[in-house]
N, C-alpha and C. Protein backbone atom coordinates (compact mmCIF):
# COMPACT_ATOMS: atom_id res chain seq x y z
N MET A 1 0.84 -1.20 0.00
CA MET A 1 0.00 0.00 0.00
C MET A 1 0.87 1.25 0.00
N PRO A 2 0.50 2.26 -0.75
CA PRO A 2 1.28 3.51 -0.75
C PRO A 2 1.01 4.34 0.49
N LEU A 3 1.86 5.32 0.73
CA LEU A 3 1.60 6.30 1.78
C LEU A 3 0.26 6.98 1.53
N GLU A 4 -0.50 7.15 2.59
CA GLU A 4 -1.74 7.91 2.49
C GLU A 4 -1.41 9.39 2.50
N LEU A 5 -1.99 10.14 1.57
CA LEU A 5 -1.79 11.57 1.50
C LEU A 5 -3.11 12.27 1.79
N ARG A 6 -3.10 13.11 2.83
CA ARG A 6 -4.25 13.92 3.18
C ARG A 6 -3.91 15.39 2.97
N THR A 7 -4.86 16.16 2.53
CA THR A 7 -4.59 17.60 2.34
C THR A 7 -5.85 18.40 2.64
N ARG A 8 -5.61 19.60 3.18
CA ARG A 8 -6.69 20.56 3.40
C ARG A 8 -6.14 21.96 3.14
N PRO A 9 -6.92 22.83 2.51
CA PRO A 9 -6.53 24.24 2.38
C PRO A 9 -6.77 24.95 3.70
N VAL A 10 -5.81 25.77 4.11
CA VAL A 10 -5.93 26.52 5.36
C VAL A 10 -5.58 27.98 5.11
N GLY A 11 -6.02 28.85 6.02
CA GLY A 11 -5.65 30.25 5.95
C GLY A 11 -6.51 31.07 5.01
N PRO A 12 -6.38 32.41 5.09
CA PRO A 12 -7.20 33.31 4.29
C PRO A 12 -6.85 33.30 2.81
N TRP A 13 -5.59 32.98 2.47
CA TRP A 13 -5.19 32.80 1.07
C TRP A 13 -4.89 31.32 0.94
N PRO A 14 -5.89 30.51 0.60
CA PRO A 14 -5.79 29.08 0.85
C PRO A 14 -4.44 28.47 0.48
N MET A 15 -3.82 27.85 1.48
CA MET A 15 -2.54 27.18 1.35
C MET A 15 -2.75 25.71 1.69
N ASN A 16 -2.18 24.83 0.89
CA ASN A 16 -2.38 23.39 1.08
C ASN A 16 -1.44 22.84 2.15
N SER A 17 -1.99 22.45 3.29
CA SER A 17 -1.24 21.67 4.26
C SER A 17 -1.42 20.20 3.92
N TYR A 18 -0.39 19.41 4.19
CA TYR A 18 -0.42 17.99 3.85
C TYR A 18 -0.08 17.15 5.07
N VAL A 19 -0.66 15.96 5.13
CA VAL A 19 -0.28 14.94 6.09
C VAL A 19 -0.03 13.65 5.31
N LEU A 20 1.12 13.02 5.56
CA LEU A 20 1.42 11.72 5.00
C LEU A 20 1.36 10.70 6.11
N VAL A 21 0.72 9.56 5.85
CA VAL A 21 0.50 8.54 6.87
C VAL A 21 0.98 7.19 6.37
N CYS A 22 1.82 6.52 7.18
CA CYS A 22 2.25 5.16 6.86
C CYS A 22 1.09 4.21 7.14
N PRO A 23 0.64 3.45 6.14
CA PRO A 23 -0.52 2.57 6.36
C PRO A 23 -0.22 1.40 7.28
N GLU A 24 1.06 1.05 7.42
CA GLU A 24 1.42 -0.08 8.27
C GLU A 24 1.52 0.30 9.75
N THR A 25 2.10 1.47 10.03
CA THR A 25 2.38 1.85 11.41
C THR A 25 1.49 2.96 11.95
N GLY A 26 0.83 3.69 11.06
CA GLY A 26 0.03 4.83 11.48
C GLY A 26 0.83 6.08 11.77
N GLU A 27 2.18 6.00 11.62
CA GLU A 27 2.99 7.19 11.84
C GLU A 27 2.71 8.21 10.75
N SER A 28 2.75 9.50 11.12
CA SER A 28 2.45 10.56 10.15
C SER A 28 3.45 11.68 10.26
N VAL A 29 3.50 12.50 9.21
CA VAL A 29 4.22 13.77 9.24
C VAL A 29 3.27 14.85 8.75
N LEU A 30 3.38 16.02 9.36
CA LEU A 30 2.61 17.20 8.97
C LEU A 30 3.51 18.12 8.17
N ILE A 31 3.07 18.49 6.97
CA ILE A 31 3.87 19.34 6.08
C ILE A 31 3.19 20.69 5.92
N ASP A 32 3.91 21.75 6.28
CA ASP A 32 3.47 23.14 6.12
C ASP A 32 2.23 23.47 6.93
N PRO A 33 2.40 23.64 8.26
CA PRO A 33 1.28 24.05 9.12
C PRO A 33 1.00 25.54 8.99
N GLY A 34 0.28 25.91 7.94
CA GLY A 34 0.14 27.32 7.60
C GLY A 34 -0.81 28.11 8.46
N ALA A 35 -1.89 27.48 8.94
CA ALA A 35 -2.92 28.19 9.72
C ALA A 35 -3.90 27.15 10.25
N ASP A 36 -4.87 27.62 11.01
CA ASP A 36 -6.01 26.80 11.44
C ASP A 36 -5.58 25.52 12.16
N PRO A 37 -5.01 25.64 13.36
CA PRO A 37 -4.56 24.44 14.08
C PRO A 37 -5.65 23.39 14.27
N ASP A 38 -6.89 23.81 14.44
CA ASP A 38 -7.97 22.83 14.61
C ASP A 38 -8.14 21.98 13.37
N VAL A 39 -8.01 22.60 12.19
CA VAL A 39 -8.10 21.86 10.94
C VAL A 39 -6.93 20.89 10.82
N LEU A 40 -5.75 21.34 11.20
CA LEU A 40 -4.57 20.49 11.12
C LEU A 40 -4.68 19.30 12.07
N GLN A 41 -5.23 19.54 13.27
CA GLN A 41 -5.44 18.43 14.20
C GLN A 41 -6.40 17.41 13.61
N ALA A 42 -7.45 17.88 12.96
CA ALA A 42 -8.40 16.96 12.33
C ALA A 42 -7.74 16.18 11.21
N LEU A 43 -6.84 16.83 10.50
CA LEU A 43 -6.13 16.17 9.40
C LEU A 43 -5.24 15.03 9.91
N LEU A 44 -4.75 15.18 11.14
CA LEU A 44 -3.87 14.19 11.76
C LEU A 44 -4.64 13.10 12.51
N ALA A 45 -5.94 13.18 12.55
CA ALA A 45 -6.75 12.29 13.37
C ALA A 45 -6.47 10.82 13.04
N GLY A 46 -6.32 10.03 14.11
CA GLY A 46 -6.11 8.60 13.93
C GLY A 46 -4.69 8.21 13.58
N THR A 47 -3.76 9.17 13.62
CA THR A 47 -2.37 8.88 13.27
C THR A 47 -1.47 9.15 14.48
N ARG A 48 -0.21 8.76 14.34
CA ARG A 48 0.80 9.03 15.36
C ARG A 48 1.82 10.02 14.77
N PRO A 49 1.64 11.32 14.99
CA PRO A 49 2.56 12.29 14.39
C PRO A 49 4.00 12.07 14.86
N GLY A 50 4.92 12.09 13.87
CA GLY A 50 6.33 11.88 14.17
C GLY A 50 7.21 13.07 13.88
N ALA A 51 6.72 14.02 13.07
CA ALA A 51 7.54 15.18 12.73
C ALA A 51 6.68 16.21 12.02
N ILE A 52 7.18 17.45 12.05
CA ILE A 52 6.64 18.54 11.23
C ILE A 52 7.70 18.88 10.18
N LEU A 53 7.30 18.96 8.92
CA LEU A 53 8.20 19.27 7.82
C LEU A 53 7.78 20.59 7.18
N LEU A 54 8.76 21.38 6.76
CA LEU A 54 8.49 22.63 6.04
C LEU A 54 9.06 22.56 4.63
N THR A 55 8.23 22.96 3.64
CA THR A 55 8.78 23.14 2.30
C THR A 55 9.56 24.45 2.21
N HIS A 56 9.13 25.46 2.99
CA HIS A 56 9.83 26.74 3.06
C HIS A 56 9.19 27.59 4.15
N THR A 57 9.76 28.76 4.40
CA THR A 57 9.38 29.51 5.59
C THR A 57 8.58 30.79 5.32
N HIS A 58 7.93 30.91 4.17
CA HIS A 58 7.03 32.04 3.98
C HIS A 58 5.90 31.99 5.01
N PRO A 59 5.41 33.16 5.45
CA PRO A 59 4.45 33.20 6.55
C PRO A 59 3.20 32.35 6.33
N ASP A 60 2.71 32.26 5.10
CA ASP A 60 1.49 31.49 4.88
C ASP A 60 1.70 29.99 5.04
N HIS A 61 2.97 29.55 5.09
CA HIS A 61 3.27 28.13 5.26
C HIS A 61 3.65 27.77 6.69
N VAL A 62 3.91 28.76 7.53
CA VAL A 62 4.35 28.49 8.90
C VAL A 62 3.50 29.22 9.95
N GLY A 63 2.36 29.73 9.56
CA GLY A 63 1.57 30.55 10.47
C GLY A 63 1.11 29.83 11.73
N ALA A 64 0.91 28.51 11.65
CA ALA A 64 0.47 27.74 12.82
C ALA A 64 1.61 26.86 13.35
N LEU A 65 2.83 27.15 12.95
CA LEU A 65 3.95 26.29 13.35
C LEU A 65 4.13 26.27 14.86
N ASP A 66 4.13 27.43 15.49
CA ASP A 66 4.37 27.48 16.94
C ASP A 66 3.30 26.70 17.69
N GLU A 67 2.04 26.88 17.29
CA GLU A 67 0.96 26.16 17.97
C GLU A 67 1.08 24.65 17.78
N MET A 68 1.41 24.23 16.56
CA MET A 68 1.48 22.79 16.30
C MET A 68 2.71 22.17 16.96
N GLN A 69 3.80 22.92 17.06
CA GLN A 69 4.95 22.41 17.79
C GLN A 69 4.62 22.20 19.26
N ALA A 70 3.93 23.18 19.84
CA ALA A 70 3.56 23.07 21.25
C ALA A 70 2.59 21.92 21.48
N LEU A 71 1.70 21.69 20.53
CA LEU A 71 0.69 20.65 20.67
C LEU A 71 1.28 19.25 20.45
N LEU A 72 2.07 19.09 19.39
CA LEU A 72 2.53 17.76 18.99
C LEU A 72 3.82 17.34 19.68
N ARG A 73 4.68 18.32 19.99
CA ARG A 73 5.98 18.04 20.61
C ARG A 73 6.76 16.97 19.83
N VAL A 74 6.91 17.23 18.55
CA VAL A 74 7.67 16.35 17.66
C VAL A 74 8.76 17.18 16.98
N PRO A 75 9.79 16.54 16.41
CA PRO A 75 10.88 17.29 15.78
C PRO A 75 10.39 18.11 14.58
N LEU A 76 11.05 19.25 14.38
CA LEU A 76 10.84 20.09 13.20
C LEU A 76 11.98 19.85 12.23
N LEU A 77 11.63 19.54 10.97
CA LEU A 77 12.61 19.29 9.92
C LEU A 77 12.42 20.34 8.84
N ALA A 78 13.50 21.05 8.50
CA ALA A 78 13.42 22.11 7.50
C ALA A 78 14.80 22.38 6.93
N HIS A 79 14.84 23.09 5.83
CA HIS A 79 16.10 23.50 5.24
C HIS A 79 16.83 24.43 6.22
N GLY A 80 18.15 24.31 6.25
CA GLY A 80 18.91 25.12 7.19
C GLY A 80 19.35 26.45 6.65
N GLY A 81 19.01 26.73 5.40
CA GLY A 81 19.54 27.93 4.75
C GLY A 81 18.80 29.19 5.10
N GLU A 82 18.89 30.18 4.24
CA GLU A 82 18.34 31.51 4.47
C GLU A 82 16.82 31.44 4.56
N HIS A 83 16.27 31.77 5.74
CA HIS A 83 14.84 31.72 5.95
C HIS A 83 14.20 33.08 5.67
N PHE A 84 12.88 33.10 5.71
CA PHE A 84 12.16 34.35 5.48
C PHE A 84 12.59 35.39 6.50
N PRO A 85 12.87 36.61 6.06
CA PRO A 85 13.36 37.64 6.99
C PRO A 85 12.41 37.86 8.17
N GLY A 86 12.99 37.87 9.36
CA GLY A 86 12.21 38.11 10.55
C GLY A 86 11.51 36.91 11.13
N ARG A 87 11.63 35.75 10.45
CA ARG A 87 10.99 34.54 10.98
C ARG A 87 12.08 33.59 11.46
N GLU A 88 12.22 33.48 12.77
CA GLU A 88 13.24 32.60 13.33
C GLU A 88 12.73 31.17 13.32
N ILE A 89 13.49 30.30 12.68
CA ILE A 89 13.16 28.88 12.61
C ILE A 89 14.32 28.09 13.20
N TYR A 90 14.00 27.17 14.09
CA TYR A 90 15.05 26.38 14.74
C TYR A 90 14.77 24.89 14.52
N PRO A 91 15.16 24.36 13.35
CA PRO A 91 14.89 22.95 13.07
C PRO A 91 15.66 22.03 14.02
N ASP A 92 15.00 20.95 14.39
CA ASP A 92 15.70 19.90 15.12
C ASP A 92 16.60 19.10 14.18
N ARG A 93 16.24 19.11 12.91
CA ARG A 93 17.09 18.49 11.88
C ARG A 93 17.02 19.36 10.64
N THR A 94 18.18 19.74 10.10
CA THR A 94 18.21 20.50 8.86
C THR A 94 18.32 19.56 7.68
N LEU A 95 17.64 19.92 6.61
CA LEU A 95 17.55 19.07 5.43
C LEU A 95 18.27 19.69 4.26
N SER A 96 18.95 18.85 3.49
CA SER A 96 19.67 19.26 2.29
C SER A 96 19.32 18.32 1.15
N HIS A 97 19.72 18.72 -0.05
CA HIS A 97 19.44 17.95 -1.26
C HIS A 97 19.94 16.51 -1.12
N GLY A 98 19.06 15.55 -1.38
CA GLY A 98 19.44 14.14 -1.31
C GLY A 98 19.18 13.48 0.02
N ASP A 99 18.86 14.26 1.07
CA ASP A 99 18.53 13.67 2.36
C ASP A 99 17.23 12.88 2.26
N THR A 100 17.03 11.98 3.21
CA THR A 100 15.77 11.24 3.27
C THR A 100 15.13 11.42 4.64
N VAL A 101 13.82 11.31 4.65
CA VAL A 101 13.03 11.43 5.87
C VAL A 101 12.13 10.20 5.96
N SER A 102 12.12 9.54 7.10
CA SER A 102 11.30 8.35 7.29
C SER A 102 9.89 8.73 7.72
N VAL A 103 8.92 8.00 7.16
CA VAL A 103 7.53 8.09 7.61
C VAL A 103 7.09 6.65 7.82
N GLY A 104 7.21 6.18 9.05
CA GLY A 104 6.95 4.77 9.30
C GLY A 104 7.91 3.92 8.49
N GLN A 105 7.37 3.05 7.66
CA GLN A 105 8.19 2.15 6.84
C GLN A 105 8.51 2.73 5.47
N TYR A 106 8.19 3.99 5.26
CA TYR A 106 8.40 4.64 3.97
C TYR A 106 9.41 5.78 4.12
N ARG A 107 9.85 6.29 2.97
CA ARG A 107 10.83 7.39 3.01
C ARG A 107 10.46 8.47 2.00
N LEU A 108 10.86 9.70 2.34
CA LEU A 108 10.75 10.84 1.43
C LEU A 108 12.16 11.27 1.07
N ARG A 109 12.36 11.70 -0.17
CA ARG A 109 13.65 12.22 -0.60
C ARG A 109 13.54 13.73 -0.78
N VAL A 110 14.56 14.43 -0.31
CA VAL A 110 14.56 15.89 -0.33
C VAL A 110 15.24 16.42 -1.60
N TYR A 111 14.60 17.39 -2.23
CA TYR A 111 15.18 18.12 -3.37
C TYR A 111 15.23 19.60 -3.00
N GLU A 112 16.39 20.21 -3.14
CA GLU A 112 16.50 21.66 -2.98
C GLU A 112 16.04 22.32 -4.27
N THR A 113 15.09 23.26 -4.15
CA THR A 113 14.50 23.91 -5.33
C THR A 113 14.37 25.41 -5.12
N PRO A 114 15.49 26.11 -4.93
CA PRO A 114 15.42 27.55 -4.63
C PRO A 114 14.94 28.38 -5.81
N GLY A 115 14.56 29.61 -5.49
CA GLY A 115 14.07 30.57 -6.49
C GLY A 115 12.99 31.41 -5.85
N HIS A 116 11.85 30.79 -5.58
CA HIS A 116 10.76 31.47 -4.88
C HIS A 116 11.24 32.01 -3.53
N ILE A 117 12.10 31.23 -2.87
CA ILE A 117 12.76 31.61 -1.63
C ILE A 117 13.98 30.70 -1.52
N PRO A 118 15.07 31.14 -0.90
CA PRO A 118 16.28 30.31 -0.88
C PRO A 118 16.11 28.97 -0.17
N ASP A 119 15.20 28.88 0.83
CA ASP A 119 15.10 27.64 1.60
C ASP A 119 14.01 26.69 1.08
N GLN A 120 13.57 26.90 -0.16
CA GLN A 120 12.52 26.05 -0.73
C GLN A 120 13.04 24.64 -0.99
N ILE A 121 12.31 23.62 -0.50
CA ILE A 121 12.62 22.23 -0.79
C ILE A 121 11.35 21.49 -1.16
N CYS A 122 11.53 20.33 -1.81
CA CYS A 122 10.43 19.45 -2.16
C CYS A 122 10.65 18.09 -1.50
N PHE A 123 9.54 17.38 -1.28
CA PHE A 123 9.59 16.05 -0.68
C PHE A 123 9.00 15.05 -1.66
N ALA A 124 9.85 14.19 -2.23
CA ALA A 124 9.40 13.17 -3.16
C ALA A 124 9.18 11.86 -2.41
N LEU A 125 8.03 11.25 -2.58
CA LEU A 125 7.75 9.97 -1.96
C LEU A 125 8.51 8.90 -2.73
N GLU A 126 9.40 8.17 -2.04
CA GLU A 126 10.23 7.18 -2.72
C GLU A 126 9.38 6.03 -3.23
N ASN A 127 9.76 5.51 -4.42
CA ASN A 127 9.02 4.43 -5.09
C ASN A 127 7.56 4.80 -5.28
N ASP A 128 7.35 6.04 -5.64
CA ASP A 128 6.00 6.61 -5.77
C ASP A 128 6.11 7.72 -6.81
N GLN A 129 4.98 8.17 -7.33
CA GLN A 129 4.99 9.21 -8.35
C GLN A 129 4.70 10.59 -7.78
N ARG A 130 4.47 10.70 -6.48
CA ARG A 130 4.00 11.96 -5.90
C ARG A 130 5.15 12.75 -5.27
N VAL A 131 5.10 14.08 -5.47
CA VAL A 131 6.07 14.99 -4.89
C VAL A 131 5.33 16.18 -4.28
N ILE A 132 5.62 16.48 -3.01
CA ILE A 132 5.10 17.69 -2.38
C ILE A 132 6.05 18.82 -2.76
N VAL A 133 5.59 19.75 -3.61
CA VAL A 133 6.50 20.71 -4.24
C VAL A 133 6.47 22.11 -3.61
N GLY A 134 5.62 22.32 -2.59
CA GLY A 134 5.55 23.66 -2.01
C GLY A 134 5.21 24.69 -3.06
N ASP A 135 5.94 25.82 -3.07
CA ASP A 135 5.69 26.87 -4.05
C ASP A 135 6.74 26.87 -5.16
N THR A 136 7.39 25.73 -5.37
CA THR A 136 8.37 25.61 -6.46
C THR A 136 7.69 25.77 -7.81
N ILE A 137 6.57 25.10 -7.98
CA ILE A 137 5.89 25.04 -9.28
C ILE A 137 4.41 24.81 -9.06
N PHE A 138 3.61 25.46 -9.90
CA PHE A 138 2.17 25.30 -9.87
C PHE A 138 1.69 24.82 -11.24
N ASP A 139 0.41 24.49 -11.30
CA ASP A 139 -0.15 24.05 -12.57
C ASP A 139 0.04 25.10 -13.65
N GLY A 140 -0.05 26.39 -13.28
CA GLY A 140 -0.01 27.45 -14.28
C GLY A 140 1.29 28.20 -14.41
N GLY A 141 2.29 27.91 -13.56
CA GLY A 141 3.55 28.66 -13.65
C GLY A 141 4.43 28.37 -12.44
N PRO A 142 5.59 29.00 -12.39
CA PRO A 142 6.48 28.82 -11.24
C PRO A 142 6.09 29.75 -10.10
N GLY A 143 6.71 29.55 -8.93
CA GLY A 143 6.46 30.40 -7.79
C GLY A 143 6.91 31.83 -8.03
N LYS A 144 6.25 32.77 -7.38
CA LYS A 144 6.56 34.19 -7.52
C LYS A 144 7.99 34.48 -7.08
N THR A 145 8.61 35.47 -7.74
CA THR A 145 9.95 35.92 -7.35
C THR A 145 9.93 37.42 -7.12
N TRP A 146 10.96 37.90 -6.39
CA TRP A 146 11.00 39.32 -5.99
C TRP A 146 12.25 40.03 -6.48
N SER A 147 13.00 39.40 -7.38
CA SER A 147 14.17 40.04 -7.99
C SER A 147 14.53 39.26 -9.24
N PRO A 148 15.24 39.90 -10.20
CA PRO A 148 15.70 39.16 -11.38
C PRO A 148 16.59 37.97 -11.00
N GLU A 149 17.37 38.12 -9.94
CA GLU A 149 18.26 37.03 -9.53
C GLU A 149 17.44 35.83 -9.04
N GLN A 150 16.39 36.10 -8.29
CA GLN A 150 15.53 35.00 -7.84
C GLN A 150 14.87 34.31 -9.03
N PHE A 151 14.44 35.10 -10.00
CA PHE A 151 13.80 34.50 -11.17
C PHE A 151 14.79 33.62 -11.94
N GLN A 152 16.02 34.07 -12.10
CA GLN A 152 17.03 33.25 -12.78
C GLN A 152 17.32 31.97 -12.00
N THR A 153 17.29 32.05 -10.67
CA THR A 153 17.46 30.85 -9.86
C THR A 153 16.30 29.89 -10.10
N THR A 154 15.08 30.42 -10.19
CA THR A 154 13.92 29.60 -10.50
C THR A 154 14.09 28.88 -11.83
N LEU A 155 14.59 29.58 -12.85
CA LEU A 155 14.79 28.95 -14.15
C LEU A 155 15.79 27.79 -14.05
N ARG A 156 16.85 27.99 -13.29
CA ARG A 156 17.83 26.90 -13.11
C ARG A 156 17.21 25.71 -12.39
N THR A 157 16.39 26.00 -11.38
CA THR A 157 15.73 24.92 -10.66
C THR A 157 14.81 24.13 -11.59
N LEU A 158 14.06 24.83 -12.43
CA LEU A 158 13.17 24.14 -13.37
C LEU A 158 13.96 23.27 -14.34
N ARG A 159 15.05 23.83 -14.87
CA ARG A 159 15.85 23.08 -15.86
C ARG A 159 16.50 21.85 -15.26
N HIS A 160 17.13 22.03 -14.12
CA HIS A 160 18.04 21.00 -13.61
C HIS A 160 17.44 20.07 -12.56
N VAL A 161 16.33 20.48 -11.96
CA VAL A 161 15.72 19.63 -10.93
C VAL A 161 14.35 19.14 -11.39
N VAL A 162 13.42 20.06 -11.60
CA VAL A 162 12.04 19.68 -11.86
C VAL A 162 11.91 18.88 -13.16
N LEU A 163 12.51 19.36 -14.24
CA LEU A 163 12.34 18.66 -15.51
C LEU A 163 13.09 17.33 -15.57
N ALA A 164 13.92 17.06 -14.57
CA ALA A 164 14.58 15.75 -14.49
C ALA A 164 13.64 14.68 -13.94
N TRP A 165 12.53 15.09 -13.35
CA TRP A 165 11.56 14.12 -12.84
C TRP A 165 10.79 13.49 -14.00
N PRO A 166 10.30 12.26 -13.84
CA PRO A 166 9.54 11.59 -14.91
C PRO A 166 8.23 12.30 -15.21
N ASP A 167 7.71 12.06 -16.41
CA ASP A 167 6.45 12.65 -16.82
C ASP A 167 5.30 12.27 -15.89
N ASP A 168 5.34 11.08 -15.32
CA ASP A 168 4.23 10.62 -14.48
C ASP A 168 4.27 11.21 -13.07
N THR A 169 5.26 12.05 -12.79
CA THR A 169 5.32 12.71 -11.48
C THR A 169 4.06 13.53 -11.23
N ARG A 170 3.48 13.33 -10.06
CA ARG A 170 2.31 14.10 -9.64
C ARG A 170 2.77 15.16 -8.66
N CYS A 171 2.64 16.41 -9.03
CA CYS A 171 3.11 17.53 -8.22
C CYS A 171 1.98 18.04 -7.34
N TYR A 172 2.26 18.10 -6.03
CA TYR A 172 1.29 18.59 -5.05
C TYR A 172 1.79 19.92 -4.51
N PRO A 173 1.26 21.05 -5.00
CA PRO A 173 1.80 22.37 -4.67
C PRO A 173 1.22 22.98 -3.40
N GLY A 174 1.80 24.10 -3.00
CA GLY A 174 1.33 24.82 -1.82
C GLY A 174 0.03 25.55 -2.04
N HIS A 175 -0.37 25.74 -3.28
CA HIS A 175 -1.62 26.43 -3.58
C HIS A 175 -2.20 25.81 -4.85
N GLY A 176 -3.50 25.63 -4.89
CA GLY A 176 -4.15 25.14 -6.09
C GLY A 176 -4.08 23.63 -6.24
N PRO A 177 -4.53 23.13 -7.40
CA PRO A 177 -4.67 21.68 -7.59
C PRO A 177 -3.33 21.01 -7.90
N HIS A 178 -3.29 19.71 -7.65
CA HIS A 178 -2.13 18.93 -8.08
C HIS A 178 -2.24 18.66 -9.58
N PHE A 179 -1.12 18.28 -10.19
CA PHE A 179 -1.09 18.09 -11.64
C PHE A 179 0.02 17.10 -12.00
N ARG A 180 -0.10 16.56 -13.20
CA ARG A 180 0.90 15.63 -13.74
C ARG A 180 1.95 16.43 -14.47
N LEU A 181 3.22 16.21 -14.14
CA LEU A 181 4.30 17.00 -14.74
C LEU A 181 4.33 16.86 -16.25
N GLY A 182 4.12 15.66 -16.76
CA GLY A 182 4.17 15.45 -18.21
C GLY A 182 3.16 16.28 -18.97
N ASP A 183 2.05 16.60 -18.33
CA ASP A 183 1.02 17.42 -18.99
C ASP A 183 1.45 18.88 -19.11
N ARG A 184 2.48 19.28 -18.37
CA ARG A 184 2.97 20.66 -18.41
C ARG A 184 4.38 20.77 -18.99
N ARG A 185 5.01 19.64 -19.29
CA ARG A 185 6.41 19.67 -19.70
C ARG A 185 6.65 20.54 -20.94
N ALA A 186 5.82 20.39 -21.97
CA ALA A 186 6.02 21.18 -23.19
C ALA A 186 5.91 22.67 -22.91
N ALA A 187 4.95 23.06 -22.08
CA ALA A 187 4.78 24.48 -21.75
C ALA A 187 5.96 25.00 -20.94
N ILE A 188 6.48 24.18 -20.01
CA ILE A 188 7.63 24.60 -19.21
C ILE A 188 8.86 24.73 -20.09
N GLU A 189 9.07 23.80 -20.99
CA GLU A 189 10.23 23.87 -21.89
C GLU A 189 10.14 25.10 -22.79
N ALA A 190 8.95 25.42 -23.28
CA ALA A 190 8.78 26.62 -24.10
C ALA A 190 9.04 27.87 -23.28
N PHE A 191 8.60 27.88 -22.05
CA PHE A 191 8.84 29.00 -21.12
C PHE A 191 10.34 29.19 -20.91
N LEU A 192 11.06 28.10 -20.72
CA LEU A 192 12.50 28.19 -20.48
C LEU A 192 13.28 28.60 -21.72
N ALA A 193 12.72 28.37 -22.88
CA ALA A 193 13.41 28.69 -24.13
C ALA A 193 13.35 30.19 -24.47
N LYS A 194 12.49 30.93 -23.78
CA LYS A 194 12.32 32.35 -24.07
C LYS A 194 13.33 33.19 -23.28
N ASP A 195 13.62 34.37 -23.81
CA ASP A 195 14.45 35.34 -23.11
C ASP A 195 13.53 36.26 -22.32
N HIS A 196 13.56 36.14 -21.00
CA HIS A 196 12.67 36.93 -20.15
C HIS A 196 13.32 38.21 -19.64
N GLY A 197 14.55 38.48 -20.09
CA GLY A 197 15.21 39.71 -19.70
C GLY A 197 15.39 39.81 -18.20
N ASP A 198 15.04 40.97 -17.63
CA ASP A 198 15.18 41.22 -16.19
C ASP A 198 13.88 40.99 -15.44
N PHE A 199 13.02 40.14 -15.99
CA PHE A 199 11.72 39.90 -15.38
C PHE A 199 11.85 39.32 -13.97
N PHE A 200 10.87 39.66 -13.12
CA PHE A 200 10.61 38.93 -11.87
C PHE A 200 9.18 39.21 -11.48
N GLY A 201 8.63 38.39 -10.61
CA GLY A 201 7.25 38.55 -10.18
C GLY A 201 6.46 37.30 -10.41
N ASP A 202 5.14 37.46 -10.62
CA ASP A 202 4.26 36.32 -10.93
C ASP A 202 4.42 35.97 -12.40
N ALA A 203 4.68 34.71 -12.66
CA ALA A 203 4.87 34.25 -14.04
C ALA A 203 3.88 33.16 -14.39
N THR A 204 3.55 33.08 -15.66
CA THR A 204 2.75 31.98 -16.18
C THR A 204 3.50 31.32 -17.31
N TRP A 205 3.19 30.06 -17.58
CA TRP A 205 3.90 29.34 -18.63
C TRP A 205 3.69 29.99 -19.99
N GLU A 206 2.58 30.71 -20.18
CA GLU A 206 2.25 31.28 -21.49
C GLU A 206 2.95 32.60 -21.76
N MET A 207 3.60 33.22 -20.76
CA MET A 207 4.15 34.56 -20.96
C MET A 207 5.41 34.52 -21.83
């Protein structure tokens, strides 16, 4: 049986929080506790939480972190790099590209995917087609950037990390619906082939 994936949108600008559950042991991990602790507790119902994971430290993804840490008393796992300004994060374990995280009898593999923010990472379910991608990539475009340098970093991430994944990869983003990477590959490749100059901001594959 594959890992069970649960998701609920939380917060005023709906952000997808995720829970992964090992079907054999009932152990779970909570990914991106953005808001609404009561909703997150319901999402974890019937499981044994083992850790909180962050895809990145933007406020909409960590708004309920303090409350959930106090409630669950489990380790926090996150990238150790440059976090969102003014948001102090103290991971019990820092994650880097290629690291793995156990969820009961299953494992997640970490991919560093900077651009939207320097500490952005993705969690790929091993021997599975699903990847929790945070704000790395959405059905309609990449994550927002705030400088030309960030946008160029996003382009490198798309070229060298995201497009290396198989077409059957199912991307589960921080906002909006999940999607199959192969259904967007041609649009992403066309997007990467264009000269975007000094662009930064919200992008779509069609621009």
